[in-house]
Amino acid sequence: MPWEKSFDEGEVVGKAMKVFWEKGFEPSSMADLIAGTGIARGSLYNAFGGKRQLFIKALEKYDRENRRVILADMEALDDPTRAIAMLFDCIVSETVADTDKKGCFLVNTALELAMHDDEVKRIVERGMGEFEAFFRRCIEVAQARGQVPGSVDPATTAKGLVAMIVAIRLLGRGVYDASTLKAIAAQAQRLLH
């Protein structure tokens, strides 16, 4: 008799995402995933193929439900410089509110796996690349409106802004307090002038 799934795959991926986000890929054991998802080992393997495949699904879910949502919200704003400022405000707020100090799942994954796994690297590059493209578009529109000087290079500045997001997410895991993270975000705004 063929195996039949008796659970919601999206819900299981969400629960696995929490385990991976909290512990990382390597430290997350199958026992952790079984406990975190409430699904038996065989069902996890049958539905997802294994730990790595489940991790990829969890990372893609995080990317889809977090980074893409916030960028879509910021893209909807009419003022590009305000969109950049609000994005940094959101990132600082999320970082400060993260009492468990988990950080950003995408950034954590970049540090843990991106150099060792080409598929993970592509997901991380896509995520960071979309932040960079957002910043570049905002800067170009702001320049066309006279809000940002023409001397500001959109491509280079966009890369710098992405680096500052990564810094906030990493340093917010316990190194810096809210006021320091806000100062980093304010410095990001200075790159536009």
N, C-alpha and C. Protein backbone atom coordinates (compact mmCIF):
# COMPACT_ATOMS: atom_id res chain seq x y z
N MET A 1 0.83 -1.17 0.00
CA MET A 1 0.00 0.00 0.00
C MET A 1 0.89 1.24 0.00
N PRO A 2 0.65 2.22 -0.89
CA PRO A 2 1.51 3.39 -0.97
C PRO A 2 1.36 4.28 0.26
N TRP A 3 2.46 4.99 0.55
CA TRP A 3 2.48 5.91 1.69
C TRP A 3 1.58 7.10 1.39
N GLU A 4 0.78 7.49 2.38
CA GLU A 4 -0.11 8.63 2.21
C GLU A 4 0.18 9.65 3.30
N LYS A 5 0.38 10.87 2.89
CA LYS A 5 0.71 11.96 3.80
C LYS A 5 -0.53 12.36 4.59
N SER A 6 -0.38 12.50 5.92
CA SER A 6 -1.53 12.87 6.76
C SER A 6 -1.26 14.17 7.52
N PHE A 7 -0.52 15.07 6.88
CA PHE A 7 -0.19 16.34 7.52
C PHE A 7 -0.10 17.41 6.46
N ASP A 8 -0.14 18.66 6.90
CA ASP A 8 -0.01 19.79 6.00
C ASP A 8 1.47 20.08 5.79
N GLU A 9 1.93 19.92 4.56
CA GLU A 9 3.35 20.08 4.26
C GLU A 9 3.85 21.48 4.62
N GLY A 10 3.08 22.51 4.29
CA GLY A 10 3.49 23.88 4.60
C GLY A 10 3.65 24.12 6.09
N GLU A 11 2.77 23.52 6.87
CA GLU A 11 2.85 23.66 8.33
C GLU A 11 4.11 22.97 8.86
N VAL A 12 4.41 21.80 8.33
CA VAL A 12 5.60 21.07 8.75
C VAL A 12 6.86 21.84 8.37
N VAL A 13 6.88 22.40 7.17
CA VAL A 13 8.04 23.20 6.74
C VAL A 13 8.21 24.40 7.67
N GLY A 14 7.11 25.03 8.05
CA GLY A 14 7.17 26.16 8.98
C GLY A 14 7.74 25.77 10.33
N LYS A 15 7.34 24.62 10.83
CA LYS A 15 7.88 24.14 12.11
C LYS A 15 9.35 23.78 11.98
N ALA A 16 9.72 23.16 10.87
CA ALA A 16 11.13 22.83 10.63
C ALA A 16 11.96 24.10 10.51
N MET A 17 11.38 25.12 9.86
CA MET A 17 12.08 26.40 9.72
C MET A 17 12.46 26.94 11.09
N LYS A 18 11.55 26.86 12.05
CA LYS A 18 11.84 27.35 13.40
C LYS A 18 13.01 26.60 14.02
N VAL A 19 13.05 25.28 13.81
CA VAL A 19 14.16 24.48 14.35
C VAL A 19 15.48 24.90 13.70
N PHE A 20 15.50 24.94 12.37
CA PHE A 20 16.73 25.31 11.65
C PHE A 20 17.16 26.73 11.98
N TRP A 21 16.22 27.64 12.09
CA TRP A 21 16.52 29.04 12.36
C TRP A 21 17.15 29.19 13.75
N GLU A 22 16.61 28.44 14.70
CA GLU A 22 17.11 28.52 16.06
C GLU A 22 18.48 27.86 16.21
N LYS A 23 18.68 26.71 15.55
CA LYS A 23 19.88 25.91 15.78
C LYS A 23 20.91 25.98 14.65
N GLY A 24 20.47 26.26 13.43
CA GLY A 24 21.34 26.14 12.27
C GLY A 24 21.14 24.79 11.62
N PHE A 25 21.71 24.60 10.44
CA PHE A 25 21.52 23.34 9.71
C PHE A 25 22.26 22.19 10.39
N GLU A 26 23.56 22.33 10.54
CA GLU A 26 24.37 21.22 11.07
C GLU A 26 23.94 20.79 12.47
N PRO A 27 23.75 21.72 13.41
CA PRO A 27 23.37 21.30 14.76
C PRO A 27 21.96 20.71 14.88
N SER A 28 21.11 20.95 13.90
CA SER A 28 19.74 20.41 13.95
C SER A 28 19.77 18.92 13.60
N SER A 29 19.45 18.09 14.57
CA SER A 29 19.44 16.65 14.33
C SER A 29 18.06 16.23 13.83
N MET A 30 17.98 15.02 13.31
CA MET A 30 16.67 14.49 12.92
C MET A 30 15.77 14.39 14.14
N ALA A 31 16.34 14.10 15.30
CA ALA A 31 15.53 14.05 16.53
C ALA A 31 14.93 15.43 16.83
N ASP A 32 15.72 16.49 16.61
CA ASP A 32 15.21 17.86 16.80
C ASP A 32 14.07 18.14 15.84
N LEU A 33 14.24 17.72 14.59
CA LEU A 33 13.22 17.97 13.57
C LEU A 33 11.95 17.17 13.84
N ILE A 34 12.12 15.94 14.29
CA ILE A 34 10.96 15.11 14.63
C ILE A 34 10.19 15.75 15.80
N ALA A 35 10.94 16.18 16.82
CA ALA A 35 10.30 16.83 17.98
C ALA A 35 9.66 18.15 17.58
N GLY A 36 10.35 18.92 16.75
CA GLY A 36 9.85 20.23 16.35
C GLY A 36 8.66 20.20 15.41
N THR A 37 8.59 19.17 14.59
CA THR A 37 7.50 19.09 13.61
C THR A 37 6.36 18.19 14.06
N GLY A 38 6.66 17.26 14.96
CA GLY A 38 5.65 16.30 15.38
C GLY A 38 5.40 15.21 14.35
N ILE A 39 6.31 15.08 13.40
CA ILE A 39 6.18 14.10 12.32
C ILE A 39 7.22 13.00 12.52
N ALA A 40 6.86 11.77 12.26
CA ALA A 40 7.77 10.64 12.39
C ALA A 40 8.90 10.72 11.36
N ARG A 41 10.02 10.13 11.71
CA ARG A 41 11.20 10.13 10.84
C ARG A 41 10.87 9.65 9.42
N GLY A 42 10.20 8.53 9.32
CA GLY A 42 9.86 7.98 8.00
C GLY A 42 8.99 8.93 7.19
N SER A 43 8.06 9.59 7.84
CA SER A 43 7.19 10.54 7.15
C SER A 43 7.99 11.74 6.65
N LEU A 44 8.95 12.20 7.47
CA LEU A 44 9.79 13.32 7.03
C LEU A 44 10.59 12.92 5.79
N TYR A 45 11.19 11.74 5.83
CA TYR A 45 11.96 11.28 4.67
C TYR A 45 11.07 11.07 3.45
N ASN A 46 9.91 10.47 3.65
CA ASN A 46 9.00 10.24 2.52
C ASN A 46 8.51 11.54 1.90
N ALA A 47 8.20 12.52 2.73
CA ALA A 47 7.64 13.78 2.22
C ALA A 47 8.70 14.71 1.66
N PHE A 48 9.89 14.72 2.26
CA PHE A 48 10.87 15.74 1.89
C PHE A 48 12.18 15.17 1.35
N GLY A 49 12.43 13.90 1.54
CA GLY A 49 13.64 13.30 1.01
C GLY A 49 14.78 13.26 2.00
N GLY A 50 14.81 14.16 2.96
CA GLY A 50 15.88 14.19 3.94
C GLY A 50 16.02 15.57 4.56
N LYS A 51 16.97 15.66 5.46
CA LYS A 51 17.19 16.89 6.22
C LYS A 51 17.53 18.06 5.31
N ARG A 52 18.43 17.87 4.36
CA ARG A 52 18.85 18.97 3.49
C ARG A 52 17.69 19.49 2.65
N GLN A 53 16.91 18.59 2.08
CA GLN A 53 15.78 19.01 1.24
C GLN A 53 14.75 19.77 2.08
N LEU A 54 14.53 19.32 3.31
CA LEU A 54 13.62 20.03 4.21
C LEU A 54 14.18 21.41 4.55
N PHE A 55 15.49 21.48 4.74
CA PHE A 55 16.13 22.76 5.02
C PHE A 55 15.93 23.73 3.85
N ILE A 56 16.13 23.26 2.63
CA ILE A 56 15.95 24.11 1.45
C ILE A 56 14.52 24.64 1.41
N LYS A 57 13.56 23.80 1.65
CA LYS A 57 12.15 24.24 1.66
C LYS A 57 11.91 25.27 2.77
N ALA A 58 12.52 25.06 3.93
CA ALA A 58 12.38 25.99 5.04
C ALA A 58 13.01 27.34 4.71
N LEU A 59 14.18 27.31 4.10
CA LEU A 59 14.87 28.55 3.72
C LEU A 59 14.06 29.32 2.67
N GLU A 60 13.53 28.60 1.70
CA GLU A 60 12.71 29.26 0.67
C GLU A 60 11.43 29.83 1.28
N LYS A 61 10.84 29.14 2.24
CA LYS A 61 9.64 29.64 2.92
C LYS A 61 9.97 30.94 3.67
N TYR A 62 11.08 30.93 4.39
CA TYR A 62 11.51 32.13 5.11
C TYR A 62 11.69 33.29 4.14
N ASP A 63 12.38 33.02 3.06
CA ASP A 63 12.65 34.06 2.06
C ASP A 63 11.34 34.61 1.50
N ARG A 64 10.45 33.73 1.16
CA ARG A 64 9.16 34.11 0.56
C ARG A 64 8.30 34.89 1.55
N GLU A 65 8.27 34.47 2.79
CA GLU A 65 7.35 35.06 3.76
C GLU A 65 7.93 36.23 4.54
N ASN A 66 9.22 36.43 4.47
CA ASN A 66 9.83 37.51 5.24
C ASN A 66 10.45 38.57 4.33
N ARG A 67 11.56 38.24 3.70
CA ARG A 67 12.26 39.22 2.89
C ARG A 67 11.40 39.74 1.75
N ARG A 68 10.77 38.87 1.01
CA ARG A 68 9.97 39.31 -0.13
C ARG A 68 8.79 40.18 0.29
N VAL A 69 8.18 39.86 1.42
CA VAL A 69 7.04 40.64 1.91
C VAL A 69 7.48 42.05 2.28
N ILE A 70 8.57 42.16 3.03
CA ILE A 70 9.01 43.49 3.44
C ILE A 70 9.44 44.32 2.23
N LEU A 71 10.10 43.70 1.26
CA LEU A 71 10.49 44.45 0.07
C LEU A 71 9.27 44.90 -0.73
N ALA A 72 8.27 44.06 -0.83
CA ALA A 72 7.04 44.44 -1.54
C ALA A 72 6.37 45.62 -0.85
N ASP A 73 6.35 45.60 0.48
CA ASP A 73 5.77 46.72 1.23
C ASP A 73 6.54 48.01 0.97
N MET A 74 7.86 47.92 0.96
CA MET A 74 8.68 49.12 0.75
C MET A 74 8.58 49.61 -0.70
N GLU A 75 8.50 48.69 -1.64
CA GLU A 75 8.36 49.07 -3.06
C GLU A 75 7.06 49.84 -3.29
N ALA A 76 6.05 49.58 -2.47
CA ALA A 76 4.75 50.24 -2.64
C ALA A 76 4.78 51.71 -2.20
N LEU A 77 5.80 52.11 -1.46
CA LEU A 77 5.89 53.50 -1.00
C LEU A 77 6.26 54.41 -2.16
N ASP A 78 5.75 55.62 -2.13
CA ASP A 78 5.97 56.56 -3.22
C ASP A 78 7.32 57.27 -3.14
N ASP A 79 7.85 57.41 -1.95
CA ASP A 79 9.10 58.15 -1.74
C ASP A 79 10.25 57.15 -1.57
N PRO A 80 11.18 57.08 -2.53
CA PRO A 80 12.23 56.07 -2.46
C PRO A 80 13.19 56.25 -1.28
N THR A 81 13.48 57.48 -0.89
CA THR A 81 14.38 57.66 0.25
C THR A 81 13.67 57.25 1.54
N ARG A 82 12.38 57.52 1.61
CA ARG A 82 11.59 57.08 2.77
C ARG A 82 11.50 55.55 2.79
N ALA A 83 11.39 54.93 1.63
CA ALA A 83 11.34 53.46 1.57
C ALA A 83 12.62 52.85 2.13
N ILE A 84 13.76 53.43 1.79
CA ILE A 84 15.04 52.94 2.31
C ILE A 84 15.08 53.13 3.82
N ALA A 85 14.70 54.32 4.29
CA ALA A 85 14.71 54.60 5.74
C ALA A 85 13.77 53.65 6.48
N MET A 86 12.59 53.44 5.93
CA MET A 86 11.63 52.54 6.59
C MET A 86 12.11 51.10 6.61
N LEU A 87 12.79 50.68 5.54
CA LEU A 87 13.33 49.32 5.52
C LEU A 87 14.33 49.15 6.66
N PHE A 88 15.22 50.11 6.82
CA PHE A 88 16.19 50.03 7.91
C PHE A 88 15.50 50.09 9.27
N ASP A 89 14.48 50.93 9.40
CA ASP A 89 13.71 50.99 10.66
C ASP A 89 13.09 49.63 10.97
N CYS A 90 12.52 48.99 9.95
CA CYS A 90 11.90 47.67 10.14
C CYS A 90 12.94 46.63 10.56
N ILE A 91 14.09 46.66 9.92
CA ILE A 91 15.13 45.68 10.23
C ILE A 91 15.66 45.88 11.65
N VAL A 92 15.87 47.14 12.03
CA VAL A 92 16.31 47.41 13.40
C VAL A 92 15.24 46.96 14.39
N SER A 93 13.98 47.28 14.12
CA SER A 93 12.88 46.89 15.02
C SER A 93 12.80 45.37 15.16
N GLU A 94 12.88 44.65 14.03
CA GLU A 94 12.84 43.18 14.08
C GLU A 94 14.01 42.63 14.88
N THR A 95 15.18 43.22 14.68
CA THR A 95 16.39 42.75 15.35
C THR A 95 16.29 42.97 16.85
N VAL A 96 15.82 44.15 17.25
CA VAL A 96 15.68 44.46 18.67
C VAL A 96 14.60 43.58 19.31
N ALA A 97 13.53 43.32 18.59
CA ALA A 97 12.42 42.50 19.11
C ALA A 97 12.78 41.01 19.20
N ASP A 98 13.87 40.61 18.56
CA ASP A 98 14.29 39.21 18.54
C ASP A 98 14.95 38.85 19.87
N THR A 99 14.13 38.62 20.89
CA THR A 99 14.67 38.35 22.23
C THR A 99 15.45 37.05 22.31
N ASP A 100 15.20 36.13 21.39
CA ASP A 100 15.95 34.87 21.36
C ASP A 100 17.29 35.02 20.64
N LYS A 101 17.51 36.18 20.03
CA LYS A 101 18.76 36.49 19.31
C LYS A 101 19.05 35.47 18.22
N LYS A 102 17.99 35.09 17.47
CA LYS A 102 18.16 34.14 16.37
C LYS A 102 18.80 34.80 15.16
N GLY A 103 18.59 36.10 15.00
CA GLY A 103 19.11 36.79 13.83
C GLY A 103 18.25 36.52 12.61
N CYS A 104 18.80 36.76 11.46
CA CYS A 104 18.12 36.56 10.18
C CYS A 104 18.49 35.17 9.66
N PHE A 105 17.49 34.37 9.36
CA PHE A 105 17.72 33.00 8.88
C PHE A 105 18.56 33.01 7.61
N LEU A 106 18.30 33.96 6.71
CA LEU A 106 19.05 34.04 5.45
C LEU A 106 20.52 34.39 5.71
N VAL A 107 20.76 35.37 6.57
CA VAL A 107 22.13 35.77 6.91
C VAL A 107 22.84 34.63 7.65
N ASN A 108 22.16 34.02 8.60
CA ASN A 108 22.76 32.89 9.33
C ASN A 108 23.17 31.78 8.36
N THR A 109 22.30 31.51 7.41
CA THR A 109 22.57 30.46 6.42
C THR A 109 23.74 30.84 5.53
N ALA A 110 23.83 32.12 5.18
CA ALA A 110 24.97 32.58 4.37
C ALA A 110 26.28 32.26 5.08
N LEU A 111 26.30 32.47 6.37
CA LEU A 111 27.52 32.22 7.14
C LEU A 111 27.80 30.73 7.31
N GLU A 112 26.75 29.95 7.52
CA GLU A 112 26.94 28.53 7.82
C GLU A 112 27.17 27.67 6.58
N LEU A 113 26.39 27.90 5.52
CA LEU A 113 26.36 26.93 4.43
C LEU A 113 26.69 27.44 3.03
N ALA A 114 26.57 28.72 2.79
CA ALA A 114 26.64 29.21 1.40
C ALA A 114 27.95 28.85 0.70
N MET A 115 29.03 28.73 1.43
CA MET A 115 30.31 28.39 0.80
C MET A 115 30.43 26.90 0.49
N HIS A 116 29.52 26.09 1.05
CA HIS A 116 29.63 24.64 0.93
C HIS A 116 28.50 24.00 0.13
N ASP A 117 27.50 24.78 -0.23
CA ASP A 117 26.31 24.21 -0.88
C ASP A 117 25.84 25.18 -1.96
N ASP A 118 25.98 24.77 -3.21
CA ASP A 118 25.65 25.66 -4.33
C ASP A 118 24.19 26.07 -4.37
N GLU A 119 23.29 25.16 -4.02
CA GLU A 119 21.87 25.52 -4.05
C GLU A 119 21.55 26.55 -2.97
N VAL A 120 22.09 26.36 -1.79
CA VAL A 120 21.91 27.33 -0.71
C VAL A 120 22.53 28.66 -1.12
N LYS A 121 23.71 28.61 -1.71
CA LYS A 121 24.37 29.84 -2.16
C LYS A 121 23.48 30.60 -3.14
N ARG A 122 22.84 29.91 -4.06
CA ARG A 122 21.95 30.58 -5.03
C ARG A 122 20.76 31.25 -4.33
N ILE A 123 20.20 30.58 -3.34
CA ILE A 123 19.07 31.16 -2.60
C ILE A 123 19.52 32.41 -1.86
N VAL A 124 20.66 32.33 -1.19
CA VAL A 124 21.19 33.48 -0.45
C VAL A 124 21.53 34.61 -1.41
N GLU A 125 22.20 34.29 -2.51
CA GLU A 125 22.55 35.32 -3.50
C GLU A 125 21.31 35.99 -4.08
N ARG A 126 20.28 35.19 -4.34
CA ARG A 126 19.03 35.76 -4.85
C ARG A 126 18.43 36.72 -3.83
N GLY A 127 18.39 36.30 -2.59
CA GLY A 127 17.84 37.15 -1.53
C GLY A 127 18.60 38.44 -1.37
N MET A 128 19.91 38.35 -1.27
CA MET A 128 20.73 39.55 -1.12
C MET A 128 20.67 40.39 -2.39
N GLY A 129 20.64 39.72 -3.53
CA GLY A 129 20.57 40.43 -4.81
C GLY A 129 19.28 41.22 -4.96
N GLU A 130 18.18 40.70 -4.43
CA GLU A 130 16.92 41.43 -4.51
C GLU A 130 16.92 42.64 -3.59
N PHE A 131 17.57 42.54 -2.43
CA PHE A 131 17.75 43.73 -1.59
C PHE A 131 18.58 44.77 -2.34
N GLU A 132 19.66 44.32 -2.94
CA GLU A 132 20.54 45.22 -3.68
C GLU A 132 19.79 45.90 -4.83
N ALA A 133 19.02 45.14 -5.57
CA ALA A 133 18.25 45.70 -6.69
C ALA A 133 17.22 46.71 -6.19
N PHE A 134 16.58 46.42 -5.06
CA PHE A 134 15.63 47.37 -4.46
C PHE A 134 16.34 48.68 -4.15
N PHE A 135 17.48 48.61 -3.48
CA PHE A 135 18.22 49.83 -3.14
C PHE A 135 18.64 50.59 -4.39
N ARG A 136 19.14 49.87 -5.38
CA ARG A 136 19.58 50.52 -6.62
C ARG A 136 18.42 51.25 -7.29
N ARG A 137 17.27 50.59 -7.39
CA ARG A 137 16.09 51.24 -7.99
C ARG A 137 15.68 52.48 -7.20
N CYS A 138 15.66 52.36 -5.89
CA CYS A 138 15.28 53.51 -5.06
C CYS A 138 16.24 54.68 -5.27
N ILE A 139 17.52 54.40 -5.31
CA ILE A 139 18.52 55.46 -5.49
C ILE A 139 18.35 56.10 -6.86
N GLU A 140 18.16 55.30 -7.89
CA GLU A 140 18.00 55.85 -9.24
C GLU A 140 16.75 56.73 -9.34
N VAL A 141 15.65 56.30 -8.75
CA VAL A 141 14.42 57.11 -8.76
C VAL A 141 14.64 58.38 -7.96
N ALA A 142 15.28 58.26 -6.80
CA ALA A 142 15.55 59.43 -5.96
C ALA A 142 16.47 60.42 -6.68
N GLN A 143 17.43 59.92 -7.44
CA GLN A 143 18.29 60.81 -8.22
C GLN A 143 17.48 61.54 -9.28
N ALA A 144 16.60 60.82 -9.95
CA ALA A 144 15.77 61.44 -10.99
C ALA A 144 14.86 62.52 -10.40
N ARG A 145 14.50 62.39 -9.14
CA ARG A 145 13.64 63.38 -8.47
C ARG A 145 14.44 64.46 -7.76
N GLY A 146 15.76 64.35 -7.80
CA GLY A 146 16.60 65.35 -7.15
C GLY A 146 16.76 65.15 -5.64
N GLN A 147 16.40 63.98 -5.14
CA GLN A 147 16.50 63.70 -3.70
C GLN A 147 17.88 63.17 -3.30
N VAL A 148 18.58 62.60 -4.25
CA VAL A 148 19.91 62.04 -4.01
C VAL A 148 20.83 62.62 -5.08
N PRO A 149 22.00 63.11 -4.68
CA PRO A 149 22.92 63.70 -5.67
C PRO A 149 23.34 62.71 -6.75
N GLY A 150 23.59 63.22 -7.93
CA GLY A 150 24.04 62.39 -9.05
C GLY A 150 25.41 61.78 -8.80
N SER A 151 26.16 62.33 -7.86
CA SER A 151 27.50 61.81 -7.55
C SER A 151 27.45 60.48 -6.79
N VAL A 152 26.29 60.13 -6.26
CA VAL A 152 26.14 58.85 -5.55
C VAL A 152 25.99 57.74 -6.59
N ASP A 153 26.88 56.76 -6.53
CA ASP A 153 26.82 55.64 -7.47
C ASP A 153 25.77 54.64 -6.98
N PRO A 154 24.68 54.45 -7.73
CA PRO A 154 23.60 53.56 -7.26
C PRO A 154 24.06 52.13 -6.99
N ALA A 155 24.88 51.56 -7.87
CA ALA A 155 25.28 50.16 -7.71
C ALA A 155 26.16 49.97 -6.48
N THR A 156 27.16 50.81 -6.32
CA THR A 156 28.07 50.69 -5.18
C THR A 156 27.36 50.99 -3.87
N THR A 157 26.53 52.02 -3.87
CA THR A 157 25.80 52.38 -2.66
C THR A 157 24.82 51.28 -2.27
N ALA A 158 24.17 50.67 -3.25
CA ALA A 158 23.25 49.57 -2.97
C ALA A 158 23.98 48.42 -2.29
N LYS A 159 25.18 48.11 -2.76
CA LYS A 159 25.97 47.04 -2.13
C LYS A 159 26.31 47.41 -0.68
N GLY A 160 26.67 48.67 -0.46
CA GLY A 160 26.98 49.13 0.89
C GLY A 160 25.78 49.03 1.82
N LEU A 161 24.60 49.36 1.30
CA LEU A 161 23.39 49.28 2.11
C LEU A 161 23.06 47.83 2.48
N VAL A 162 23.27 46.91 1.55
CA VAL A 162 23.06 45.49 1.86
C VAL A 162 24.03 45.06 2.96
N ALA A 163 25.28 45.49 2.85
CA ALA A 163 26.27 45.14 3.87
C ALA A 163 25.85 45.67 5.24
N MET A 164 25.23 46.85 5.26
CA MET A 164 24.78 47.41 6.54
C MET A 164 23.60 46.63 7.12
N ILE A 165 22.74 46.12 6.25
CA ILE A 165 21.65 45.26 6.74
C ILE A 165 22.23 44.00 7.38
N VAL A 166 23.18 43.39 6.69
CA VAL A 166 23.81 42.18 7.23
C VAL A 166 24.48 42.50 8.57
N ALA A 167 25.16 43.63 8.64
CA ALA A 167 25.82 44.03 9.89
C ALA A 167 24.81 44.19 11.02
N ILE A 168 23.70 44.86 10.75
CA ILE A 168 22.68 45.04 11.78
C ILE A 168 22.15 43.69 12.26
N ARG A 169 21.86 42.80 11.31
CA ARG A 169 21.31 41.49 11.69
C ARG A 169 22.32 40.65 12.48
N LEU A 170 23.58 40.74 12.12
CA LEU A 170 24.60 39.97 12.84
C LEU A 170 24.91 40.58 14.20
N LEU A 171 25.17 41.87 14.21
CA LEU A 171 25.58 42.53 15.45
C LEU A 171 24.44 42.63 16.45
N GLY A 172 23.22 42.57 15.96
CA GLY A 172 22.06 42.60 16.84
C GLY A 172 21.83 41.30 17.59
N ARG A 173 22.60 40.30 17.29
CA ARG A 173 22.44 39.01 17.98
C ARG A 173 23.08 39.02 19.36
N GLY A 174 23.40 40.19 19.86
CA GLY A 174 23.92 40.27 21.21
C GLY A 174 25.12 41.16 21.36
N VAL A 175 25.69 41.62 20.27
CA VAL A 175 26.87 42.46 20.35
C VAL A 175 26.49 43.91 20.62
N TYR A 176 25.51 44.44 19.89
CA TYR A 176 25.13 45.85 20.01
C TYR A 176 23.71 46.00 20.51
N ASP A 177 23.47 47.11 21.21
CA ASP A 177 22.13 47.41 21.70
C ASP A 177 21.34 48.19 20.65
N ALA A 178 20.09 48.49 20.99
CA ALA A 178 19.18 49.15 20.04
C ALA A 178 19.71 50.50 19.58
N SER A 179 20.28 51.29 20.48
CA SER A 179 20.75 52.62 20.07
C SER A 179 21.90 52.53 19.08
N THR A 180 22.76 51.56 19.24
CA THR A 180 23.87 51.38 18.30
C THR A 180 23.36 50.89 16.95
N LEU A 181 22.38 50.00 16.96
CA LEU A 181 21.80 49.52 15.70
C LEU A 181 21.10 50.67 14.97
N LYS A 182 20.43 51.54 15.71
CA LYS A 182 19.79 52.71 15.11
C LYS A 182 20.83 53.65 14.52
N ALA A 183 21.98 53.78 15.18
CA ALA A 183 23.05 54.62 14.66
C ALA A 183 23.60 54.06 13.34
N ILE A 184 23.70 52.74 13.25
CA ILE A 184 24.14 52.12 12.00
C ILE A 184 23.13 52.41 10.90
N ALA A 185 21.84 52.30 11.22
CA ALA A 185 20.79 52.59 10.24
C ALA A 185 20.85 54.05 9.80
N ALA A 186 21.12 54.95 10.73
CA ALA A 186 21.24 56.38 10.38
C ALA A 186 22.44 56.60 9.46
N GLN A 187 23.51 55.88 9.72
CA GLN A 187 24.70 55.98 8.85
C GLN A 187 24.37 55.50 7.44
N ALA A 188 23.52 54.51 7.34
CA ALA A 188 23.10 54.03 6.01
C ALA A 188 22.45 55.16 5.23
N GLN A 189 21.65 55.97 5.88
CA GLN A 189 21.00 57.10 5.22
C GLN A 189 22.02 58.11 4.71
N ARG A 190 23.12 58.25 5.44
CA ARG A 190 24.16 59.21 5.03
C ARG A 190 24.84 58.80 3.73
N LEU A 191 24.79 57.51 3.40
CA LEU A 191 25.37 57.07 2.13
C LEU A 191 24.64 57.67 0.93
N LEU A 192 23.43 58.16 1.16
CA LEU A 192 22.63 58.72 0.06
C LEU A 192 22.94 60.18 -0.20
N HIS A 193 23.87 60.76 0.55
CA HIS A 193 24.15 62.21 0.39
C HIS A 193 25.60 62.50 0.12
